[in-house]
C-alpha cells in the first residue's frame, strides 16, 4: 500500500485477509485483478509482474499460482508479513513506492496497482510513484491501476496527466476489472503502456474511453 495507508486504522495482516476469505466462502469471485492481468499478458506478451502496493499478497500469490513471475512491494510491514507467511519463496520487498528503486533491480512486462493503491499514496506523490514504476517497465509493457473516484481525491484527468508525464500512453479504461465499460462512475480501471519502438503486439478491440 501507499504511505497514506500507514496512517489509517484499516485491518492489517490476517484481519485484512479475513474479508477476502469470507467473500470466497460465500461464492464471490475474488480474483478479478488476476484475471485481467492474465488476459492482458496473453494479448501483449510477457510473464514478469510487479504488484505495487501488494498488501498481503492476494493478487501476487494468485498470479504466481498461474505461472507468472512475481515481485510484491509494499510499505506496510504487517501486511507483508502476512504475504511472506503464505508464500515465503516469493520476492516481497518492504519499501515506499516513491523510493524503491534501490531495492529492486528488475524490469517487468506489467505493473499492477490494485486495492486503491493510488488513493492511499500521500497527496502530491502520485507522479513520483508513476515515474518510478514506469522506469521498471520494458518497452511496450503495461501499467494497470484500479481506484475509486471521489471529488476530494485523485481524479482521472490528473491521473492521466501524471501518467503521460511519466512517459506512459493510454490504452484502455473500464469500470471494473472484468472490463465493464466506463461511463463516468465512481471506480475505474486504467491501462497505460510504456511506448515501444516496435509494436508487434497490441491489445485489440478495447479503445481508451473516458
C-alpha atoms as a PDB file:
ATOM      1  CA  UNK A   1       0.000   0.000   0.000  1.00  0.00           C
ATOM      2  CA  UNK A   2       0.991   3.662  -0.143  1.00  0.00           C
ATOM      3  CA  UNK A   3       2.299   5.731   2.724  1.00  0.00           C
ATOM      4  CA  UNK A   4      -1.098   7.361   3.378  1.00  0.00           C
ATOM      5  CA  UNK A   5      -2.351   3.839   4.126  1.00  0.00           C
ATOM      6  CA  UNK A   6       0.006   3.604   7.097  1.00  0.00           C
ATOM      7  CA  UNK A   7      -1.945   6.337   8.863  1.00  0.00           C
ATOM      8  CA  UNK A   8      -5.283   4.553   8.596  1.00  0.00           C
ATOM      9  CA  UNK A   9      -6.889   2.165  11.090  1.00  0.00           C
ATOM     10  CA  UNK A  10      -7.822  -0.307   8.356  1.00  0.00           C
ATOM     11  CA  UNK A  11      -7.499  -4.035   9.166  1.00  0.00           C
ATOM     12  CA  UNK A  12      -3.986  -5.416   8.773  1.00  0.00           C
ATOM     13  CA  UNK A  13      -2.477  -8.817   8.110  1.00  0.00           C
ATOM     14  CA  UNK A  14      -4.756 -11.782   8.730  1.00  0.00           C
ATOM     15  CA  UNK A  15      -7.623  -9.456   9.704  1.00  0.00           C
ATOM     16  CA  UNK A  16      -7.411  -7.943   6.224  1.00  0.00           C
ATOM     17  CA  UNK A  17      -7.351 -11.381   4.601  1.00  0.00           C
ATOM     18  CA  UNK A  18     -10.389 -12.498   6.614  1.00  0.00           C
ATOM     19  CA  UNK A  19     -12.694 -10.340   4.466  1.00  0.00           C
ATOM     20  CA  UNK A  20     -11.500 -11.998   1.289  1.00  0.00           C
ATOM     21  CA  UNK A  21     -11.812 -15.482   2.789  1.00  0.00           C
ATOM     22  CA  UNK A  22     -15.383 -14.650   3.759  1.00  0.00           C
ATOM     23  CA  UNK A  23     -16.222 -13.415   0.266  1.00  0.00           C
ATOM     24  CA  UNK A  24     -14.687 -16.518  -1.324  1.00  0.00           C
ATOM     25  CA  UNK A  25     -16.595 -18.788   1.067  1.00  0.00           C
ATOM     26  CA  UNK A  26     -19.818 -17.037   0.049  1.00  0.00           C
ATOM     27  CA  UNK A  27     -19.127 -17.841  -3.597  1.00  0.00           C
ATOM     28  CA  UNK A  28     -17.885 -14.446  -4.747  1.00  0.00           C
ATOM     29  CA  UNK A  29     -15.126 -14.137  -7.357  1.00  0.00           C
ATOM     30  CA  UNK A  30     -12.180 -12.517  -5.604  1.00  0.00           C
ATOM     31  CA  UNK A  31      -9.526 -12.673  -8.302  1.00  0.00           C
ATOM     32  CA  UNK A  32     -10.794 -10.201 -10.869  1.00  0.00           C
ATOM     33  CA  UNK A  33      -7.473  -8.350 -10.847  1.00  0.00           C
ATOM     34  CA  UNK A  34      -5.503 -11.520 -11.557  1.00  0.00           C
ATOM     35  CA  UNK A  35      -7.970 -12.489 -14.287  1.00  0.00           C
ATOM     36  CA  UNK A  36      -7.464  -9.174 -16.078  1.00  0.00           C
ATOM     37  CA  UNK A  37      -3.679  -9.247 -15.711  1.00  0.00           C
ATOM     38  CA  UNK A  38      -3.606 -12.765 -17.164  1.00  0.00           C
ATOM     39  CA  UNK A  39      -5.787 -11.677 -20.100  1.00  0.00           C
ATOM     40  CA  UNK A  40      -3.708  -8.581 -20.820  1.00  0.00           C
ATOM     41  CA  UNK A  41      -0.450 -10.510 -20.779  1.00  0.00           C
ATOM     42  CA  UNK A  42      -1.947 -13.148 -23.055  1.00  0.00           C
ATOM     43  CA  UNK A  43      -2.665 -10.329 -25.514  1.00  0.00           C
ATOM     44  CA  UNK A  44       0.518  -8.293 -25.125  1.00  0.00           C
ATOM     45  CA  UNK A  45       3.018 -10.972 -24.118  1.00  0.00           C
ATOM     46  CA  UNK A  46       5.252 -11.366 -21.078  1.00  0.00           C
ATOM     47  CA  UNK A  47       5.326 -13.161 -17.738  1.00  0.00           C
ATOM     48  CA  UNK A  48       7.018 -10.774 -15.295  1.00  0.00           C
ATOM     49  CA  UNK A  49       4.668  -8.851 -12.986  1.00  0.00           C
ATOM     50  CA  UNK A  50       5.295  -6.255 -10.290  1.00  0.00           C
ATOM     51  CA  UNK A  51       2.483  -5.992  -7.738  1.00  0.00           C
ATOM     52  CA  UNK A  52       2.945  -2.449  -6.441  1.00  0.00           C
ATOM     53  CA  UNK A  53       1.218  -1.980  -3.107  1.00  0.00           C
ATOM     54  CA  UNK A  54       0.805  -5.745  -2.820  1.00  0.00           C
ATOM     55  CA  UNK A  55      -0.546  -5.806   0.733  1.00  0.00           C
ATOM     56  CA  UNK A  56      -0.977  -9.372   1.975  1.00  0.00           C
ATOM     57  CA  UNK A  57      -0.247 -10.748  -1.490  1.00  0.00           C
ATOM     58  CA  UNK A  58      -3.742 -11.756  -2.593  1.00  0.00           C
ATOM     59  CA  UNK A  59      -3.189 -10.712  -6.234  1.00  0.00           C
ATOM     60  CA  UNK A  60       0.504 -11.625  -6.432  1.00  0.00           C
ATOM     61  CA  UNK A  61       0.029 -15.104  -4.982  1.00  0.00           C
ATOM     62  CA  UNK A  62      -2.853 -15.870  -7.326  1.00  0.00           C
ATOM     63  CA  UNK A  63      -0.775 -14.776 -10.326  1.00  0.00           C
ATOM     64  CA  UNK A  64       2.192 -16.840  -9.135  1.00  0.00           C
ATOM     65  CA  UNK A  65      -0.110 -19.860  -8.939  1.00  0.00           C
ATOM     66  CA  UNK A  66      -0.974 -19.238 -12.591  1.00  0.00           C
ATOM     67  CA  UNK A  67       2.681 -19.399 -13.589  1.00  0.00           C
ATOM     68  CA  UNK A  68       3.722 -15.744 -13.644  1.00  0.00           C
ATOM     69  CA  UNK A  69       6.950 -14.399 -12.165  1.00  0.00           C
ATOM     70  CA  UNK A  70       6.040 -12.067  -9.306  1.00  0.00           C
ATOM     71  CA  UNK A  71       7.584  -9.392  -7.129  1.00  0.00           C
ATOM     72  CA  UNK A  72       5.497  -7.647  -4.469  1.00  0.00           C
ATOM     73  CA  UNK A  73       6.340  -4.234  -2.995  1.00  0.00           C
ATOM     74  CA  UNK A  74       4.600  -2.629  -0.018  1.00  0.00           C
ATOM     75  CA  UNK A  75       5.437  -0.156   2.736  1.00  0.00           C
ATOM     76  CA  UNK A  76       3.351  -1.932   5.392  1.00  0.00           C
ATOM     77  CA  UNK A  77       5.468  -4.456   7.295  1.00  0.00           C
ATOM     78  CA  UNK A  78       2.456  -6.164   8.865  1.00  0.00           C
ATOM     79  CA  UNK A  79       0.764  -6.712   5.515  1.00  0.00           C
ATOM     80  CA  UNK A  80       3.999  -8.054   4.026  1.00  0.00           C
ATOM     81  CA  UNK A  81       4.467 -10.409   6.979  1.00  0.00           C
ATOM     82  CA  UNK A  82       1.123 -11.998   6.106  1.00  0.00           C
ATOM     83  CA  UNK A  83       2.206 -12.315   2.459  1.00  0.00           C
ATOM     84  CA  UNK A  84       5.506 -13.938   3.412  1.00  0.00           C
ATOM     85  CA  UNK A  85       3.774 -16.365   5.761  1.00  0.00           C
ATOM     86  CA  UNK A  86       1.631 -17.623   2.876  1.00  0.00           C
ATOM     87  CA  UNK A  87       4.300 -17.777   0.145  1.00  0.00           C
ATOM     88  CA  UNK A  88       7.772 -17.245   1.650  1.00  0.00           C
ATOM     89  CA  UNK A  89       9.524 -18.228  -1.584  1.00  0.00           C
ATOM     90  CA  UNK A  90       8.183 -15.218  -3.499  1.00  0.00           C
ATOM     91  CA  UNK A  91      10.028 -11.887  -3.604  1.00  0.00           C
ATOM     92  CA  UNK A  92       8.453  -9.474  -1.095  1.00  0.00           C
ATOM     93  CA  UNK A  93      10.070  -6.043  -0.748  1.00  0.00           C
ATOM     94  CA  UNK A  94       9.275  -3.609   2.057  1.00  0.00           C
ATOM     95  CA  UNK A  95       9.624  -0.167   0.518  1.00  0.00           C
ATOM     96  CA  UNK A  96       7.846   3.112  -0.130  1.00  0.00           C
ATOM     97  CA  UNK A  97       6.598   3.250  -3.716  1.00  0.00           C
ATOM     98  CA  UNK A  98       8.061   6.734  -4.092  1.00  0.00           C
ATOM     99  CA  UNK A  99      11.589   5.441  -3.448  1.00  0.00           C
ATOM    100  CA  UNK A 100      12.064   1.724  -4.018  1.00  0.00           C
ATOM    101  CA  UNK A 101      14.476   1.753  -6.972  1.00  0.00           C
ATOM    102  CA  UNK A 102      17.450   0.812  -4.798  1.00  0.00           C
ATOM    103  CA  UNK A 103      15.552  -2.252  -3.563  1.00  0.00           C
ATOM    104  CA  UNK A 104      14.651  -3.565  -6.983  1.00  0.00           C
ATOM    105  CA  UNK A 105      16.897  -4.048  -9.998  1.00  0.00           C
ATOM    106  CA  UNK A 106      14.463  -5.635 -12.433  1.00  0.00           C
ATOM    107  CA  UNK A 107      12.199  -4.934 -15.377  1.00  0.00           C
ATOM    108  CA  UNK A 108       8.626  -6.108 -15.825  1.00  0.00           C
ATOM    109  CA  UNK A 109       6.059  -6.788 -18.520  1.00  0.00           C
ATOM    110  CA  UNK A 110       3.244  -5.434 -16.364  1.00  0.00           C
ATOM    111  CA  UNK A 111       2.827  -3.452 -13.159  1.00  0.00           C
ATOM    112  CA  UNK A 112      -0.476  -3.773 -11.319  1.00  0.00           C
ATOM    113  CA  UNK A 113      -1.789  -1.420  -8.644  1.00  0.00           C
ATOM    114  CA  UNK A 114      -4.909  -2.971  -7.133  1.00  0.00           C
ATOM    115  CA  UNK A 115      -6.770  -2.178  -3.929  1.00  0.00           C
ATOM    116  CA  UNK A 116      -6.943   1.618  -4.356  1.00  0.00           C
ATOM    117  CA  UNK A 117      -3.168   1.974  -4.100  1.00  0.00           C
ATOM    118  CA  UNK A 118      -3.144   5.303  -5.942  1.00  0.00           C
ATOM    119  CA  UNK A 119      -5.523   6.967  -3.485  1.00  0.00           C
ATOM    120  CA  UNK A 120      -3.611   5.627  -0.472  1.00  0.00           C
ATOM    121  CA  UNK A 121      -0.463   7.459  -1.579  1.00  0.00           C
ATOM    122  CA  UNK A 122       0.466  10.722   0.090  1.00  0.00           C
ATOM    123  CA  UNK A 123      -1.145  13.570  -1.892  1.00  0.00           C
ATOM    124  CA  UNK A 124       1.387  15.028  -4.284  1.00  0.00           C
ATOM    125  CA  UNK A 125       3.477  11.845  -4.513  1.00  0.00           C
ATOM    126  CA  UNK A 126       1.435  10.159  -7.235  1.00  0.00           C
ATOM    127  CA  UNK A 127       3.583  11.488 -10.072  1.00  0.00           C
ATOM    128  CA  UNK A 128       6.802  10.274  -8.448  1.00  0.00           C
ATOM    129  CA  UNK A 129       5.311   6.823  -7.993  1.00  0.00           C
ATOM    130  CA  UNK A 130       4.271   6.607 -11.631  1.00  0.00           C
ATOM    131  CA  UNK A 131       7.752   7.716 -12.726  1.00  0.00           C
ATOM    132  CA  UNK A 132       9.344   5.023 -10.536  1.00  0.00           C
ATOM    133  CA  UNK A 133       7.038   2.326 -11.825  1.00  0.00           C
ATOM    134  CA  UNK A 134       7.404   3.385 -15.451  1.00  0.00           C
ATOM    135  CA  UNK A 135      11.174   3.055 -15.134  1.00  0.00           C
ATOM    136  CA  UNK A 136      10.736  -0.651 -14.307  1.00  0.00           C
ATOM    137  CA  UNK A 137       8.640  -1.387 -17.409  1.00  0.00           C
ATOM    138  CA  UNK A 138      10.190  -2.829 -20.542  1.00  0.00           C
ATOM    139  CA  UNK A 139       9.233  -1.040 -23.778  1.00  0.00           C
ATOM    140  CA  UNK A 140       5.675  -1.973 -24.671  1.00  0.00           C
ATOM    141  CA  UNK A 141       4.847  -3.092 -21.115  1.00  0.00           C
ATOM    142  CA  UNK A 142       1.655  -2.162 -19.274  1.00  0.00           C
ATOM    143  CA  UNK A 143       0.696  -0.392 -16.057  1.00  0.00           C
ATOM    144  CA  UNK A 144      -2.772  -1.281 -14.724  1.00  0.00           C
ATOM    145  CA  UNK A 145      -4.364   0.622 -11.865  1.00  0.00           C
ATOM    146  CA  UNK A 146      -7.807   0.458 -10.284  1.00  0.00           C
ATOM    147  CA  UNK A 147      -9.040   3.037  -7.780  1.00  0.00           C
ATOM    148  CA  UNK A 148     -12.137   4.797  -6.522  1.00  0.00           C
ATOM    149  CA  UNK A 149     -13.022   8.256  -7.782  1.00  0.00           C
ATOM    150  CA  UNK A 150     -14.155  10.951  -5.366  1.00  0.00           C
ATOM    151  CA  UNK A 151     -14.149  14.751  -5.572  1.00  0.00           C
ATOM    152  CA  UNK A 152     -11.601  15.041  -2.744  1.00  0.00           C
ATOM    153  CA  UNK A 153      -9.005  12.655  -4.167  1.00  0.00           C
ATOM    154  CA  UNK A 154      -7.066  11.856  -7.323  1.00  0.00           C
ATOM    155  CA  UNK A 155      -9.141  12.486 -10.458  1.00  0.00           C
ATOM    156  CA  UNK A 156      -8.867  10.511 -13.667  1.00  0.00           C
ATOM    157  CA  UNK A 157      -7.835  13.631 -15.597  1.00  0.00           C
ATOM    158  CA  UNK A 158      -4.979  14.227 -13.152  1.00  0.00           C
ATOM    159  CA  UNK A 159      -4.017  10.565 -13.183  1.00  0.00           C
ATOM    160  CA  UNK A 160      -3.825  10.591 -16.977  1.00  0.00           C
ATOM    161  CA  UNK A 161      -1.753  13.780 -16.910  1.00  0.00           C
ATOM    162  CA  UNK A 162       0.693  12.278 -14.421  1.00  0.00           C
ATOM    163  CA  UNK A 163       0.880   9.042 -16.400  1.00  0.00           C
ATOM    164  CA  UNK A 164       1.695  10.972 -19.573  1.00  0.00           C
ATOM    165  CA  UNK A 165       4.384  12.915 -17.715  1.00  0.00           C
ATOM    166  CA  UNK A 166       5.854   9.557 -16.641  1.00  0.00           C
ATOM    167  CA  UNK A 167       6.132   8.521 -20.285  1.00  0.00           C
ATOM    168  CA  UNK A 168       3.021   6.341 -20.414  1.00  0.00           C
ATOM    169  CA  UNK A 169       0.301   6.353 -23.057  1.00  0.00           C
ATOM    170  CA  UNK A 170      -3.375   5.445 -22.509  1.00  0.00           C
ATOM    171  CA  UNK A 171      -4.587   2.071 -23.748  1.00  0.00           C
ATOM    172  CA  UNK A 172      -7.948   1.331 -22.117  1.00  0.00           C
ATOM    173  CA  UNK A 173     -10.282   2.276 -19.287  1.00  0.00           C
ATOM    174  CA  UNK A 174     -13.016   0.169 -17.752  1.00  0.00           C
ATOM    175  CA  UNK A 175     -15.420   0.483 -14.835  1.00  0.00           C
ATOM    176  CA  UNK A 176     -14.434  -2.901 -13.366  1.00  0.00           C
ATOM    177  CA  UNK A 177     -11.663  -5.473 -13.510  1.00  0.00           C
ATOM    178  CA  UNK A 178     -13.848  -7.610 -15.782  1.00  0.00           C
ATOM    179  CA  UNK A 179     -13.842  -4.888 -18.465  1.00  0.00           C
ATOM    180  CA  UNK A 180     -17.296  -3.406 -17.998  1.00  0.00           C
ATOM    181  CA  UNK A 181     -17.494  -0.136 -19.988  1.00  0.00           C
ATOM    182  CA  UNK A 182     -16.533   3.008 -18.108  1.00  0.00           C
ATOM    183  CA  UNK A 183     -19.292   5.617 -18.314  1.00  0.00           C
ATOM    184  CA  UNK A 184     -18.226   8.026 -15.581  1.00  0.00           C
ATOM    185  CA  UNK A 185     -18.905   6.068 -12.406  1.00  0.00           C
ATOM    186  CA  UNK A 186     -17.070   6.092  -9.077  1.00  0.00           C
ATOM    187  CA  UNK A 187     -14.431   3.458  -9.905  1.00  0.00           C
ATOM    188  CA  UNK A 188     -12.127   2.979 -12.867  1.00  0.00           C
ATOM    189  CA  UNK A 189      -9.513   0.510 -14.033  1.00  0.00           C
ATOM    190  CA  UNK A 190      -6.968   2.243 -16.272  1.00  0.00           C
ATOM    191  CA  UNK A 191      -4.375   0.669 -18.550  1.00  0.00           C
ATOM    192  CA  UNK A 192      -1.353   2.629 -19.767  1.00  0.00           C
ATOM    193  CA  UNK A 193       1.628   1.469 -21.781  1.00  0.00           C
ATOM    194  CA  UNK A 194       5.266   2.399 -21.947  1.00  0.00           C
ATOM    195  CA  UNK A 195       5.696   3.049 -25.674  1.00  0.00           C
ATOM    196  CA  UNK A 196       7.698   0.542 -27.658  1.00  0.00           C
ATOM    197  CA  UNK A 197       9.890   1.288 -30.639  1.00  0.00           C
ATOM    198  CA  UNK A 198       8.322  -1.700 -32.390  1.00  0.00           C
ATOM    199  CA  UNK A 199       4.692  -2.530 -31.718  1.00  0.00           C
ATOM    200  CA  UNK A 200       4.476  -6.087 -32.951  1.00  0.00           C
ATOM    201  CA  UNK A 201       1.910  -6.903 -30.281  1.00  0.00           C
ATOM    202  CA  UNK A 202      -1.112  -4.744 -29.449  1.00  0.00           C
ATOM    203  CA  UNK A 203      -4.116  -5.016 -27.204  1.00  0.00           C
ATOM    204  CA  UNK A 204      -7.070  -5.292 -29.543  1.00  0.00           C
ATOM    205  CA  UNK A 205     -10.684  -4.182 -29.512  1.00  0.00           C
ATOM    206  CA  UNK A 206     -10.528  -2.142 -26.313  1.00  0.00           C
ATOM    207  CA  UNK A 207     -10.356   1.583 -27.060  1.00  0.00           C
ATOM    208  CA  UNK A 208      -9.480   4.141 -24.387  1.00  0.00           C
ATOM    209  CA  UNK A 209     -12.771   5.580 -23.155  1.00  0.00           C
ATOM    210  CA  UNK A 210     -13.154   8.481 -20.764  1.00  0.00           C
END
